[in-house]
Amino acid sequence: MPINRRKRRSARTRPRAAAVASVMMGTLLVSGCGPAESDNTLTWYINPDDGGQAAIAERCTQESGGAYSIETSLLPSDAASQREQLARRLAAGDSSLDIMSLDPPFIPELAEPGFLAPVPDDVAERTTENVVEGALAGATWKDELVTVPFWANTQILWYRESVAEAAGLDMTQPVTWDQIIEAAASQEKTLGVQGAQAESMTVWINALIESAGGSIVTDPEATADEIELGLVSEAGTEAARIISTIGEEGLGGPGLATQDENNSMISFQGDSGSFMVNYPFVWPATNAAVDAGTLDAALIDDIGWAIYPQVAEGEEAAPPLGGIDLGVGAESDNPALAYEAIECIVSVENQAEYFITNGNPPSNTEAYEDPRIEETFPMAETIRESLEQSAPRPQTPFYNEVSTGLQQTWAPPASVDPETTPENSAEFITAVLRGEQLL
């Protein structure tokens, strides 16, 4: 069935052997329940949360009336280890991988060699209605829906209202990176960004380049020898300029080179806070700190939120897209039951409940109509709007090589040079993909 999504480019197919070879070697350790023990027992490999996925599994099991039973098995906390373990088991033909919670950037690597069971047309039709475009794009490979969107995530612009007012910024209108850089500098405050050599750096680079109208990978389906990168471009130069400016002028604070999402939140909550790009977890975390007495209650009234900053004034930003999609292993003994269970898992009601209890935003816009969501997350409409504008990270079977290469050449921010960094990083990543250099 046709699905609305961002325009994709045609290229070539990657051999199965190449996909298997790209998976890092390591010891497979999965905690939680073991493989399915009966014909209608499904194993759902979940990423760590606050118990929300296990609660959904129990609910759906009860609602199935005995048609199936869902057991959960816990994956590691970091996405890279999740990718490694699942890819190795899929490559080995593990039949226990009935349902998997997958980070969108790794989906092409698993879909290309045929590790994922096809999504039935009727399931695709029912589970993609009212789903935000960014989440659909992240769940798609070669114009086919290969996983089912579950929850989505995005960064929004958090700001201290007192700082924005003092700097004369009208936050009812979209703002640019240059505007918030100037505002923070004029008020002698710091900007909350993630400058560590980690996945968060790839997220930042990608959002800047996509917001400037470019793409890190311009031909997602190309082979390793023929892949083309869009780093050497006006968009790449603008991304480097923004990162370099924040780094060289010390606007990210003294700890910018090691700053992740949590560190930038802590800085934003302090006296030097001004503007910050970060995920929705900031709101419940800040409220919890106020309730615990570690932060002043007045801070809550000083926090505002808006859409991710624009790179060029008047050109819509492309905020980061994260979240989780659900896939079914190609060797699962129960693919039909697995997709039946997935339909229950991603129901509007379950997505809304998961947001309220675990803080992970729905990919389905209908879920935002639950009145409890706005009570818990008053910025829910901004989150939904951000997801509508969001763009996924580079969709390529070689995502691990691309992302790691970016992290090694664009960090720390103070070392980024708009004149040389985009070209140097493109040359390095290309050499890695051709086997001429190692990560």
Protein backbone atom coordinates (compact mmCIF):
# COMPACT_ATOMS: atom_id res chain seq x y z
CA MET A 1 0.00 0.00 0.00
CA PRO A 2 1.27 3.54 -0.62
CA ILE A 3 2.59 5.29 2.46
CA ASN A 4 3.30 9.01 2.78
CA ARG A 5 6.98 9.48 3.47
CA ARG A 6 9.96 11.61 2.50
CA LYS A 7 11.25 11.11 -1.04
CA ARG A 8 13.78 8.29 -1.17
CA ARG A 9 16.51 7.64 -3.72
CA SER A 10 17.07 4.40 -5.59
CA ALA A 11 20.42 2.61 -5.59
CA ARG A 12 21.73 -0.90 -5.14
CA THR A 13 21.17 -3.89 -2.92
CA ARG A 14 23.62 -4.85 -0.24
CA PRO A 15 24.59 -8.58 -0.07
CA ARG A 16 23.53 -10.54 3.00
CA ALA A 17 27.12 -11.50 3.75
CA ALA A 18 28.18 -7.86 3.89
CA ALA A 19 25.47 -7.09 6.44
CA VAL A 20 26.52 -9.97 8.65
CA ALA A 21 30.17 -8.97 8.40
CA SER A 22 29.40 -5.42 9.49
CA VAL A 23 28.10 -6.55 12.88
CA MET A 24 30.61 -6.11 15.70
CA MET A 25 31.81 -9.22 17.46
CA GLY A 26 30.96 -9.63 21.11
CA THR A 27 29.43 -11.87 23.73
CA LEU A 28 25.68 -12.29 23.56
CA LEU A 29 24.07 -11.69 26.93
CA VAL A 30 20.32 -11.07 27.07
CA SER A 31 18.63 -10.84 30.44
CA GLY A 32 14.99 -11.53 31.20
CA CYS A 33 12.75 -14.29 29.92
CA GLY A 34 14.12 -16.89 27.54
CA PRO A 35 12.83 -18.03 24.13
CA ALA A 36 9.16 -18.78 23.64
CA GLU A 37 8.15 -22.03 25.31
CA SER A 38 4.83 -22.78 23.60
CA ASP A 39 3.27 -22.36 20.19
CA ASN A 40 1.46 -19.15 21.10
CA THR A 41 4.07 -17.62 23.42
CA LEU A 42 5.87 -14.64 21.91
CA THR A 43 9.15 -13.17 23.11
CA TRP A 44 9.42 -9.38 22.90
CA TYR A 45 12.98 -8.06 23.19
CA ILE A 46 12.58 -4.66 24.81
CA ASN A 47 14.86 -1.71 25.48
CA PRO A 48 15.11 -0.55 29.11
CA ASP A 49 12.32 1.73 30.36
CA ASP A 50 10.32 2.26 33.54
CA GLY A 51 8.32 -0.93 33.10
CA GLY A 52 6.02 0.40 30.42
CA GLN A 53 6.70 -2.23 27.77
CA ALA A 54 6.25 -5.08 30.27
CA ALA A 55 2.93 -3.55 31.35
CA ILE A 56 1.79 -3.33 27.73
CA ALA A 57 2.82 -6.95 27.15
CA GLU A 58 0.72 -8.04 30.11
CA ARG A 59 -2.24 -5.96 28.96
CA CYS A 60 -2.13 -7.28 25.41
CA THR A 61 -1.76 -10.85 26.64
CA GLN A 62 -4.94 -10.47 28.69
CA GLU A 63 -6.81 -8.74 25.87
CA SER A 64 -5.90 -11.52 23.42
CA GLY A 65 -8.14 -13.95 25.27
CA GLY A 66 -5.55 -16.70 25.10
CA ALA A 67 -4.66 -16.18 21.43
CA TYR A 68 -1.08 -15.40 22.46
CA SER A 69 1.08 -14.67 25.47
CA ILE A 70 3.86 -12.06 25.39
CA GLU A 71 7.00 -12.49 27.48
CA THR A 72 9.63 -9.76 27.60
CA SER A 73 13.41 -10.07 27.42
CA LEU A 74 15.54 -7.06 28.34
CA LEU A 75 18.20 -5.72 25.98
CA PRO A 76 21.22 -3.61 27.05
CA SER A 77 20.75 0.07 27.83
CA ASP A 78 22.75 1.50 24.92
CA ALA A 79 21.55 1.34 21.33
CA ALA A 80 24.89 0.11 19.92
CA SER A 81 24.87 -2.99 22.14
CA GLN A 82 21.23 -3.60 21.28
CA ARG A 83 22.14 -3.49 17.59
CA GLU A 84 25.05 -5.87 18.06
CA GLN A 85 23.11 -8.49 19.96
CA LEU A 86 20.00 -8.48 17.78
CA ALA A 87 21.96 -8.46 14.52
CA ARG A 88 24.09 -11.42 15.58
CA ARG A 89 21.05 -13.44 16.62
CA LEU A 90 19.14 -12.55 13.46
CA ALA A 91 22.14 -13.52 11.33
CA ALA A 92 22.23 -16.86 13.14
CA GLY A 93 18.56 -17.51 12.34
CA ASP A 94 17.35 -17.31 15.95
CA SER A 95 13.65 -18.20 15.94
CA SER A 96 12.98 -16.64 19.36
CA LEU A 97 13.10 -13.09 17.98
CA ASP A 98 9.33 -12.72 17.64
CA ILE A 99 9.10 -8.99 18.42
CA MET A 100 12.01 -6.56 18.73
CA SER A 101 12.14 -2.95 19.90
CA LEU A 102 14.47 -1.37 17.30
CA ASP A 103 16.26 1.97 17.15
CA PRO A 104 15.31 3.44 13.71
CA PRO A 105 18.90 4.10 12.45
CA PHE A 106 19.72 0.39 12.57
CA ILE A 107 16.65 -0.80 10.67
CA PRO A 108 18.16 -0.64 7.13
CA GLU A 109 21.06 -2.84 8.25
CA LEU A 110 18.59 -5.48 9.43
CA ALA A 111 16.11 -5.12 6.57
CA GLU A 112 18.63 -5.24 3.70
CA PRO A 113 19.77 -8.86 4.23
CA GLY A 114 16.21 -10.05 4.90
CA PHE A 115 16.47 -10.39 8.68
CA LEU A 116 12.97 -8.91 9.20
CA ALA A 117 9.67 -10.62 8.41
CA PRO A 118 7.55 -8.64 5.91
CA VAL A 119 4.86 -6.41 7.38
CA PRO A 120 1.49 -7.67 6.05
CA ASP A 121 -0.34 -5.08 3.96
CA ASP A 122 -3.39 -5.02 6.22
CA VAL A 123 -1.20 -4.55 9.31
CA ALA A 124 0.70 -1.75 7.58
CA GLU A 125 -2.55 -0.01 6.70
CA ARG A 126 -3.94 -0.19 10.23
CA THR A 127 -0.74 0.74 12.07
CA THR A 128 0.35 3.70 9.95
CA GLU A 129 -2.85 5.75 10.00
CA ASN A 130 -2.21 9.12 11.68
CA VAL A 131 1.47 8.29 12.26
CA VAL A 132 3.85 11.25 11.92
CA GLU A 133 5.87 11.35 8.71
CA GLY A 134 9.26 11.22 10.41
CA ALA A 135 8.37 8.00 12.21
CA LEU A 136 7.13 6.47 8.96
CA ALA A 137 10.37 7.40 7.24
CA GLY A 138 12.38 5.79 10.03
CA ALA A 139 10.36 2.57 9.77
CA THR A 140 10.77 2.32 5.99
CA TRP A 141 13.47 0.85 3.77
CA LYS A 142 13.44 0.92 -0.04
CA ASP A 143 9.93 2.37 -0.05
CA GLU A 144 8.57 -0.53 2.00
CA LEU A 145 7.36 -0.43 5.57
CA VAL A 146 9.64 -2.99 7.23
CA THR A 147 8.82 -2.24 10.88
CA VAL A 148 5.86 -0.77 12.74
CA PRO A 149 6.25 2.65 14.44
CA PHE A 150 5.71 2.42 18.20
CA TRP A 151 6.85 5.55 20.02
CA ALA A 152 8.74 8.46 18.59
CA ASN A 153 11.08 10.98 20.15
CA THR A 154 12.38 14.39 19.22
CA GLN A 155 14.31 17.32 20.59
CA ILE A 156 12.63 20.65 21.19
CA LEU A 157 14.08 24.01 22.15
CA TRP A 158 13.85 24.60 25.89
CA TYR A 159 14.51 28.14 27.08
CA ARG A 160 14.59 30.25 30.21
CA GLU A 161 11.89 32.87 29.73
CA SER A 162 13.79 35.43 31.75
CA VAL A 163 16.85 35.13 29.49
CA ALA A 164 14.83 35.25 26.26
CA GLU A 165 13.00 38.35 27.49
CA ALA A 166 16.20 40.09 28.54
CA ALA A 167 17.73 39.33 25.14
CA GLY A 168 14.65 40.69 23.35
CA LEU A 169 13.72 37.44 21.61
CA ASP A 170 10.09 36.86 20.65
CA MET A 171 9.67 33.17 21.39
CA THR A 172 6.17 33.07 19.91
CA GLN A 173 7.93 33.04 16.54
CA PRO A 174 10.49 30.53 15.21
CA VAL A 175 14.06 31.41 16.15
CA THR A 176 17.37 30.57 14.50
CA TRP A 177 20.60 29.15 15.85
CA ASP A 178 22.29 32.48 15.24
CA GLN A 179 19.63 34.25 17.30
CA ILE A 180 19.97 32.00 20.33
CA ILE A 181 23.77 32.09 20.05
CA GLU A 182 23.66 35.89 20.07
CA ALA A 183 21.11 35.95 22.90
CA ALA A 184 23.12 33.60 25.11
CA ALA A 185 26.32 35.56 24.48
CA SER A 186 24.66 38.91 25.19
CA GLN A 187 23.39 37.63 28.54
CA GLU A 188 26.64 35.81 29.36
CA LYS A 189 24.83 32.48 29.57
CA THR A 190 25.56 29.02 28.18
CA LEU A 191 23.77 27.03 25.49
CA GLY A 192 22.64 23.49 26.25
CA VAL A 193 23.93 21.27 23.44
CA GLN A 194 25.46 17.80 23.40
CA GLY A 195 29.13 18.03 22.41
CA ALA A 196 30.40 14.63 23.55
CA GLN A 197 31.96 12.18 21.11
CA ALA A 198 28.87 10.01 21.14
CA GLU A 199 25.68 9.28 19.22
CA SER A 200 24.33 12.62 20.39
CA MET A 201 26.93 14.32 18.17
CA THR A 202 25.56 12.50 15.11
CA VAL A 203 22.06 13.56 16.15
CA TRP A 204 23.14 17.22 16.31
CA ILE A 205 25.05 17.19 13.00
CA ASN A 206 22.19 15.47 11.20
CA ALA A 207 19.55 17.88 12.52
CA LEU A 208 21.63 20.87 11.43
CA ILE A 209 22.32 19.51 7.95
CA GLU A 210 18.72 18.40 7.41
CA SER A 211 17.49 21.79 8.66
CA ALA A 212 19.77 23.44 6.10
CA GLY A 213 18.20 21.41 3.31
CA GLY A 214 20.91 18.76 2.97
CA SER A 215 21.51 15.13 3.89
CA ILE A 216 24.54 13.36 5.33
CA VAL A 217 23.97 10.40 3.00
CA THR A 218 22.56 11.36 -0.39
CA ASP A 219 22.07 7.83 -1.80
CA PRO A 220 20.97 5.62 1.11
CA GLU A 221 20.72 2.39 -0.89
CA ALA A 222 24.20 2.54 -2.44
CA THR A 223 26.89 -0.06 -1.82
CA ALA A 224 29.85 0.68 0.42
CA ASP A 225 32.05 1.43 -2.59
CA GLU A 226 29.55 3.81 -4.18
CA ILE A 227 27.95 5.60 -1.25
CA GLU A 228 27.80 9.37 -1.64
CA LEU A 229 27.92 11.79 1.28
CA GLY A 230 26.42 15.28 1.38
CA LEU A 231 28.83 16.69 3.96
CA VAL A 232 30.78 18.81 1.50
CA SER A 233 27.94 21.20 0.78
CA GLU A 234 26.47 24.51 1.91
CA ALA A 235 24.43 22.57 4.47
CA GLY A 236 27.52 20.81 5.80
CA THR A 237 29.44 24.07 6.04
CA GLU A 238 26.58 25.75 7.92
CA ALA A 239 26.36 22.85 10.36
CA ALA A 240 30.10 23.07 11.01
CA ARG A 241 29.92 26.85 11.44
CA ILE A 242 27.23 26.61 14.12
CA ILE A 243 28.99 23.82 16.04
CA SER A 244 32.35 25.58 15.73
CA THR A 245 30.96 28.92 16.93
CA ILE A 246 29.45 27.40 20.04
CA GLY A 247 32.64 25.48 20.77
CA GLU A 248 35.20 28.20 20.06
CA GLU A 249 33.29 30.92 21.91
CA GLY A 250 32.79 28.76 24.96
CA LEU A 251 29.01 29.07 24.74
CA GLY A 252 28.49 25.41 25.60
CA GLY A 253 30.25 25.78 28.92
CA PRO A 254 33.56 24.28 30.11
CA GLY A 255 32.26 20.71 29.95
CA LEU A 256 30.93 20.85 26.39
CA ALA A 257 33.39 18.27 25.02
CA THR A 258 31.96 15.58 27.35
CA GLN A 259 28.42 16.88 27.63
CA ASP A 260 25.52 14.51 26.98
CA GLU A 261 21.78 15.04 27.29
CA ASN A 262 21.71 14.75 31.06
CA ASN A 263 24.71 17.03 31.59
CA SER A 264 23.26 19.71 29.34
CA MET A 265 19.97 19.52 31.26
CA ILE A 266 21.78 20.04 34.57
CA SER A 267 23.59 23.05 33.15
CA PHE A 268 20.34 24.48 31.80
CA GLN A 269 18.73 24.16 35.23
CA GLY A 270 21.51 26.22 36.81
CA ASP A 271 22.18 29.95 36.93
CA SER A 272 23.97 29.91 33.57
CA GLY A 273 21.10 28.27 31.68
CA SER A 274 19.55 30.02 28.68
CA PHE A 275 18.55 27.83 25.71
CA MET A 276 18.85 24.08 25.25
CA VAL A 277 18.01 21.47 22.60
CA ASN A 278 16.97 18.28 24.36
CA TYR A 279 14.33 15.57 24.66
CA PRO A 280 10.98 15.66 26.56
CA PHE A 281 12.48 13.83 29.56
CA VAL A 282 13.71 17.25 30.70
CA TRP A 283 10.24 18.18 31.98
CA PRO A 284 9.53 15.25 34.35
CA ALA A 285 13.17 15.21 35.47
CA THR A 286 13.08 18.90 36.38
CA ASN A 287 9.75 18.58 38.17
CA ALA A 288 11.05 15.58 40.11
CA ALA A 289 14.08 17.59 41.23
CA VAL A 290 11.83 20.44 42.36
CA ASP A 291 9.63 17.99 44.27
CA ALA A 292 12.74 16.54 45.91
CA GLY A 293 13.85 20.00 46.96
CA THR A 294 17.10 19.99 44.95
CA LEU A 295 15.88 22.74 42.60
CA ASP A 296 14.00 25.96 43.32
CA ALA A 297 10.30 25.74 42.49
CA ALA A 298 10.55 29.08 40.68
CA LEU A 299 12.57 27.35 37.94
CA ILE A 300 9.46 25.63 36.58
CA ASP A 301 7.76 28.96 35.90
CA ASP A 302 10.84 30.20 34.05
CA ILE A 303 10.98 27.32 31.55
CA GLY A 304 9.46 27.67 28.10
CA TRP A 305 9.56 25.50 25.01
CA ALA A 306 9.51 25.92 21.23
CA ILE A 307 10.31 24.11 18.01
CA TYR A 308 13.96 23.25 17.26
CA PRO A 309 15.94 26.27 16.01
CA GLN A 310 16.11 27.02 12.30
CA VAL A 311 19.46 27.11 10.51
CA ALA A 312 18.27 29.69 8.00
CA GLU A 313 15.59 32.19 8.98
CA GLY A 314 12.25 31.30 7.42
CA GLU A 315 13.26 27.73 6.52
CA GLU A 316 11.52 25.09 8.62
CA ALA A 317 13.80 23.17 10.98
CA ALA A 318 14.15 19.39 10.79
CA PRO A 319 14.34 18.30 14.45
CA PRO A 320 15.97 15.00 15.42
CA LEU A 321 13.88 11.83 15.20
CA GLY A 322 14.32 9.04 17.70
CA GLY A 323 12.09 6.46 19.30
CA ILE A 324 11.42 2.78 18.79
CA ASP A 325 9.89 0.72 15.98
CA LEU A 326 8.76 -2.89 16.30
CA GLY A 327 10.14 -5.57 14.01
CA VAL A 328 9.55 -9.30 13.65
CA GLY A 329 12.43 -11.69 13.07
CA ALA A 330 12.38 -13.44 9.70
CA GLU A 331 12.90 -16.82 11.39
CA SER A 332 10.18 -16.33 14.01
CA ASP A 333 7.93 -19.38 14.38
CA ASN A 334 4.93 -17.11 14.89
CA PRO A 335 5.10 -14.08 12.55
CA ALA A 336 1.32 -13.81 12.15
CA LEU A 337 0.76 -13.87 15.92
CA ALA A 338 3.65 -11.45 16.40
CA TYR A 339 2.07 -8.88 14.11
CA GLU A 340 -1.30 -9.41 15.80
CA ALA A 341 0.39 -8.63 19.11
CA ILE A 342 2.19 -5.61 17.63
CA GLU A 343 -1.15 -4.13 16.57
CA CYS A 344 -2.21 -4.27 20.20
CA ILE A 345 1.10 -2.88 21.46
CA VAL A 346 0.98 0.19 19.19
CA SER A 347 -2.70 0.94 19.74
CA VAL A 348 -3.56 4.59 20.35
CA GLU A 349 -4.51 3.80 23.94
CA ASN A 350 -1.23 2.04 24.69
CA GLN A 351 0.84 4.80 23.08
CA ALA A 352 -0.92 7.43 25.18
CA GLU A 353 -0.51 5.41 28.37
CA TYR A 354 3.16 4.81 27.60
CA PHE A 355 3.77 8.53 27.19
CA ILE A 356 2.06 9.37 30.47
CA THR A 357 3.78 6.64 32.49
CA ASN A 358 7.19 6.42 30.81
CA GLY A 359 7.60 9.78 29.07
CA ASN A 360 8.03 8.37 25.56
CA PRO A 361 5.96 10.32 23.00
CA PRO A 362 3.47 8.58 20.69
CA SER A 363 4.17 8.25 16.99
CA ASN A 364 0.41 8.34 16.36
CA THR A 365 -1.03 11.86 16.45
CA GLU A 366 -4.42 10.57 17.61
CA ALA A 367 -2.87 9.56 20.94
CA TYR A 368 -2.18 13.22 21.74
CA GLU A 369 -5.93 13.75 22.10
CA ASP A 370 -5.85 11.96 25.46
CA PRO A 371 -6.42 14.86 27.93
CA ARG A 372 -4.07 13.28 30.47
CA ILE A 373 -1.11 13.90 28.15
CA GLU A 374 -1.35 17.68 28.22
CA GLU A 375 -1.76 17.59 31.99
CA THR A 376 1.50 15.64 32.31
CA PHE A 377 3.34 17.27 29.39
CA PRO A 378 1.99 20.79 28.77
CA MET A 379 4.38 21.03 25.80
CA ALA A 380 2.79 17.98 24.13
CA GLU A 381 1.54 20.00 21.15
CA THR A 382 5.06 21.31 20.53
CA ILE A 383 6.39 17.75 20.72
CA ARG A 384 3.77 16.56 18.22
CA GLU A 385 4.55 19.45 15.87
CA SER A 386 8.27 18.73 16.19
CA LEU A 387 7.70 15.10 15.27
CA GLU A 388 5.76 16.19 12.19
CA GLN A 389 8.82 18.19 11.06
CA SER A 390 11.44 15.69 12.20
CA ALA A 391 13.93 13.90 9.97
CA PRO A 392 15.56 10.54 10.70
CA ARG A 393 19.29 10.07 10.90
CA PRO A 394 21.01 8.71 7.74
CA GLN A 395 19.16 5.61 6.58
CA THR A 396 21.78 3.27 5.25
CA PRO A 397 22.91 -0.28 6.02
CA PHE A 398 26.26 1.32 6.93
CA TYR A 399 24.87 3.59 9.62
CA ASN A 400 27.32 2.39 12.28
CA GLU A 401 30.31 3.34 10.14
CA VAL A 402 28.82 6.70 9.15
CA SER A 403 27.84 7.67 12.70
CA THR A 404 31.10 6.58 14.31
CA GLY A 405 33.06 8.38 11.59
CA LEU A 406 31.18 11.60 12.27
CA GLN A 407 31.77 11.36 15.99
CA GLN A 408 35.50 10.91 15.46
CA THR A 409 35.84 13.92 13.13
CA TRP A 410 33.34 16.46 14.51
CA ALA A 411 34.25 16.26 18.20
CA PRO A 412 35.11 18.18 20.24
CA PRO A 413 33.09 21.15 18.94
CA ALA A 414 35.94 23.63 19.46
CA SER A 415 38.05 21.68 16.96
CA VAL A 416 35.46 21.87 14.17
CA ASP A 417 36.49 24.02 11.20
CA PRO A 418 33.80 24.92 8.64
CA GLU A 419 36.46 25.06 5.92
CA THR A 420 37.94 21.60 6.51
CA THR A 421 35.84 19.42 8.83
CA PRO A 422 33.06 18.47 6.37
CA GLU A 423 35.59 17.42 3.71
CA ASN A 424 37.87 15.63 6.16
CA SER A 425 34.99 13.69 7.68
CA ALA A 426 33.64 12.73 4.24
CA GLU A 427 37.05 11.45 3.16
CA PHE A 428 37.49 9.50 6.39
CA ILE A 429 34.07 7.84 6.28
CA THR A 430 34.47 6.98 2.61
CA ALA A 431 37.86 5.40 3.30
CA VAL A 432 36.39 3.36 6.16
CA LEU A 433 33.56 2.08 3.96
CA ARG A 434 36.05 1.07 1.25
CA GLY A 435 38.19 -0.79 3.77
CA GLU A 436 41.09 1.66 3.45
CA GLN A 437 40.94 2.88 7.08
CA LEU A 438 39.69 1.59 10.39
CA LEU A 439 37.35 3.32 12.81
